[in-house]
Amino acid sequence: MKKNMGQADTIIRLVLAAVMAILFFTNTISGTLGMVLLLLGGVFAATSVISFCPLYVPFGINTCKKK
């Protein structure tokens, strides 16, 4: 897997994942919407850790700096 996410994209996704987790665990957002946001936050965190977003591939998006 080739990296296709840059540093700014990774940081933004990690911040969004943290905000979604905080909203869920403080019961600000609960129920089905809370579970969906928690799952989406998990996906954001996972893609940030591996620096690869599968949705970028079909659209040819690459935010990683060229070497």
N, C-alpha and C. Protein backbone atom coordinates (compact mmCIF):
# COMPACT_ATOMS: atom_id res chain seq x y z
N MET A 1 0.84 -1.18 0.00
CA MET A 1 0.00 0.00 0.00
C MET A 1 0.89 1.24 0.00
N LYS A 2 0.65 2.07 -0.93
CA LYS A 2 1.41 3.31 -1.06
C LYS A 2 0.70 4.41 -0.26
N LYS A 3 1.46 5.22 0.46
CA LYS A 3 0.86 6.30 1.24
C LYS A 3 0.23 7.32 0.30
N ASN A 4 -0.97 7.78 0.66
CA ASN A 4 -1.62 8.82 -0.14
C ASN A 4 -2.21 9.94 0.73
N MET A 5 -1.80 9.99 1.99
CA MET A 5 -2.28 11.04 2.90
C MET A 5 -1.10 11.84 3.44
N GLY A 6 -1.21 13.15 3.37
CA GLY A 6 -0.18 14.02 3.89
C GLY A 6 -0.34 14.27 5.38
N GLN A 7 0.57 15.05 5.93
CA GLN A 7 0.58 15.31 7.37
C GLN A 7 -0.64 16.12 7.80
N ALA A 8 -1.02 17.13 7.04
CA ALA A 8 -2.18 17.95 7.41
C ALA A 8 -3.45 17.11 7.41
N ASP A 9 -3.61 16.27 6.40
CA ASP A 9 -4.78 15.40 6.30
C ASP A 9 -4.84 14.44 7.48
N THR A 10 -3.70 13.90 7.86
CA THR A 10 -3.63 12.97 8.99
C THR A 10 -4.03 13.66 10.29
N ILE A 11 -3.51 14.85 10.52
CA ILE A 11 -3.82 15.58 11.75
C ILE A 11 -5.30 15.94 11.82
N ILE A 12 -5.85 16.40 10.71
CA ILE A 12 -7.27 16.76 10.68
C ILE A 12 -8.13 15.55 11.00
N ARG A 13 -7.81 14.41 10.42
CA ARG A 13 -8.59 13.19 10.68
C ARG A 13 -8.47 12.74 12.14
N LEU A 14 -7.29 12.84 12.71
CA LEU A 14 -7.12 12.44 14.11
C LEU A 14 -7.89 13.36 15.05
N VAL A 15 -7.89 14.65 14.76
CA VAL A 15 -8.65 15.60 15.58
C VAL A 15 -10.15 15.31 15.47
N LEU A 16 -10.63 15.08 14.25
CA LEU A 16 -12.05 14.75 14.07
C LEU A 16 -12.42 13.45 14.79
N ALA A 17 -11.55 12.45 14.73
CA ALA A 17 -11.81 11.19 15.42
C ALA A 17 -11.89 11.40 16.93
N ALA A 18 -11.00 12.23 17.46
CA ALA A 18 -11.01 12.50 18.90
C ALA A 18 -12.29 13.25 19.31
N VAL A 19 -12.69 14.22 18.50
CA VAL A 19 -13.92 14.98 18.81
C VAL A 19 -15.13 14.05 18.78
N MET A 20 -15.20 13.16 17.79
CA MET A 20 -16.33 12.23 17.70
C MET A 20 -16.36 11.29 18.90
N ALA A 21 -15.19 10.82 19.33
CA ALA A 21 -15.13 9.94 20.49
C ALA A 21 -15.54 10.67 21.76
N ILE A 22 -15.09 11.90 21.92
CA ILE A 22 -15.45 12.69 23.11
C ILE A 22 -16.95 12.93 23.14
N LEU A 23 -17.54 13.30 22.00
CA LEU A 23 -18.98 13.53 21.96
C LEU A 23 -19.76 12.27 22.31
N PHE A 24 -19.27 11.12 21.87
CA PHE A 24 -19.97 9.87 22.17
C PHE A 24 -19.83 9.49 23.64
N PHE A 25 -18.61 9.54 24.17
CA PHE A 25 -18.39 9.06 25.54
C PHE A 25 -18.87 10.04 26.61
N THR A 26 -19.16 11.28 26.26
CA THR A 26 -19.76 12.21 27.21
C THR A 26 -21.29 12.24 27.06
N ASN A 27 -21.81 11.35 26.23
CA ASN A 27 -23.25 11.23 25.97
C ASN A 27 -23.87 12.49 25.39
N THR A 28 -23.06 13.31 24.74
CA THR A 28 -23.60 14.46 24.02
C THR A 28 -24.36 13.97 22.80
N ILE A 29 -23.80 12.97 22.14
CA ILE A 29 -24.47 12.32 21.01
C ILE A 29 -24.57 10.85 21.36
N SER A 30 -25.78 10.32 21.27
CA SER A 30 -25.97 8.91 21.64
C SER A 30 -26.88 8.23 20.64
N GLY A 31 -27.18 6.99 20.89
CA GLY A 31 -28.06 6.24 20.01
C GLY A 31 -27.37 5.86 18.71
N THR A 32 -28.18 5.72 17.68
CA THR A 32 -27.67 5.29 16.38
C THR A 32 -26.69 6.30 15.80
N LEU A 33 -27.00 7.57 15.89
CA LEU A 33 -26.09 8.60 15.38
C LEU A 33 -24.76 8.54 16.11
N GLY A 34 -24.79 8.34 17.40
CA GLY A 34 -23.55 8.23 18.18
C GLY A 34 -22.72 7.05 17.75
N MET A 35 -23.35 5.91 17.52
CA MET A 35 -22.63 4.72 17.09
C MET A 35 -22.02 4.92 15.70
N VAL A 36 -22.77 5.55 14.80
CA VAL A 36 -22.27 5.81 13.45
C VAL A 36 -21.06 6.75 13.50
N LEU A 37 -21.16 7.81 14.31
CA LEU A 37 -20.04 8.74 14.44
C LEU A 37 -18.83 8.07 15.09
N LEU A 38 -19.06 7.19 16.06
CA LEU A 38 -17.95 6.48 16.69
C LEU A 38 -17.27 5.56 15.69
N LEU A 39 -18.03 4.89 14.86
CA LEU A 39 -17.48 4.02 13.83
C LEU A 39 -16.69 4.84 12.80
N LEU A 40 -17.25 5.96 12.38
CA LEU A 40 -16.58 6.84 11.43
C LEU A 40 -15.28 7.39 12.03
N GLY A 41 -15.30 7.73 13.30
CA GLY A 41 -14.09 8.19 13.98
C GLY A 41 -13.03 7.10 14.03
N GLY A 42 -13.45 5.86 14.21
CA GLY A 42 -12.51 4.74 14.19
C GLY A 42 -11.87 4.57 12.83
N VAL A 43 -12.67 4.74 11.78
CA VAL A 43 -12.13 4.66 10.41
C VAL A 43 -11.16 5.80 10.17
N PHE A 44 -11.51 7.00 10.60
CA PHE A 44 -10.60 8.14 10.46
C PHE A 44 -9.27 7.88 11.18
N ALA A 45 -9.35 7.36 12.39
CA ALA A 45 -8.13 7.10 13.16
C ALA A 45 -7.29 6.01 12.49
N ALA A 46 -7.93 4.96 12.01
CA ALA A 46 -7.19 3.87 11.36
C ALA A 46 -6.51 4.33 10.08
N THR A 47 -7.22 5.09 9.27
CA THR A 47 -6.62 5.57 8.02
C THR A 47 -5.50 6.57 8.30
N SER A 48 -5.60 7.29 9.39
CA SER A 48 -4.53 8.22 9.76
C SER A 48 -3.27 7.48 10.19
N VAL A 49 -3.45 6.40 10.93
CA VAL A 49 -2.31 5.63 11.41
C VAL A 49 -1.55 4.99 10.25
N ILE A 50 -2.26 4.47 9.25
CA ILE A 50 -1.59 3.81 8.13
C ILE A 50 -1.30 4.76 6.97
N SER A 51 -1.77 6.00 7.07
CA SER A 51 -1.55 7.04 6.04
C SER A 51 -2.04 6.62 4.67
N PHE A 52 -3.13 5.90 4.63
CA PHE A 52 -3.70 5.45 3.36
C PHE A 52 -5.22 5.53 3.45
N CYS A 53 -5.83 6.20 2.47
CA CYS A 53 -7.29 6.29 2.41
C CYS A 53 -7.75 5.58 1.14
N PRO A 54 -8.50 4.49 1.26
CA PRO A 54 -8.95 3.76 0.09
C PRO A 54 -9.87 4.58 -0.82
N LEU A 55 -10.60 5.55 -0.26
CA LEU A 55 -11.49 6.36 -1.08
C LEU A 55 -10.74 7.34 -1.96
N TYR A 56 -9.48 7.62 -1.65
CA TYR A 56 -8.68 8.53 -2.48
C TYR A 56 -8.27 7.87 -3.80
N VAL A 57 -8.12 6.55 -3.80
CA VAL A 57 -7.60 5.84 -4.97
C VAL A 57 -8.47 6.01 -6.21
N PRO A 58 -9.79 5.76 -6.16
CA PRO A 58 -10.58 5.89 -7.39
C PRO A 58 -10.63 7.32 -7.94
N PHE A 59 -10.46 8.29 -7.07
CA PHE A 59 -10.51 9.69 -7.50
C PHE A 59 -9.14 10.26 -7.83
N GLY A 60 -8.09 9.48 -7.60
CA GLY A 60 -6.73 9.92 -7.92
C GLY A 60 -6.21 11.01 -7.00
N ILE A 61 -6.73 11.08 -5.79
CA ILE A 61 -6.30 12.10 -4.82
C ILE A 61 -5.06 11.61 -4.09
N ASN A 62 -4.10 12.49 -3.92
CA ASN A 62 -2.89 12.18 -3.17
C ASN A 62 -2.44 13.46 -2.46
N THR A 63 -2.57 13.50 -1.14
CA THR A 63 -2.18 14.69 -0.39
C THR A 63 -0.79 14.53 0.21
N CYS A 64 -0.15 13.42 -0.06
CA CYS A 64 1.21 13.17 0.43
C CYS A 64 2.20 13.94 -0.45
N LYS A 65 3.19 14.54 0.20
CA LYS A 65 4.19 15.30 -0.56
C LYS A 65 5.00 14.34 -1.43
N LYS A 66 5.32 14.78 -2.61
CA LYS A 66 6.12 13.98 -3.54
C LYS A 66 7.56 13.93 -3.06
N LYS A 67 8.22 12.79 -3.29
CA LYS A 67 9.62 12.64 -2.90
C LYS A 67 10.52 12.93 -4.09
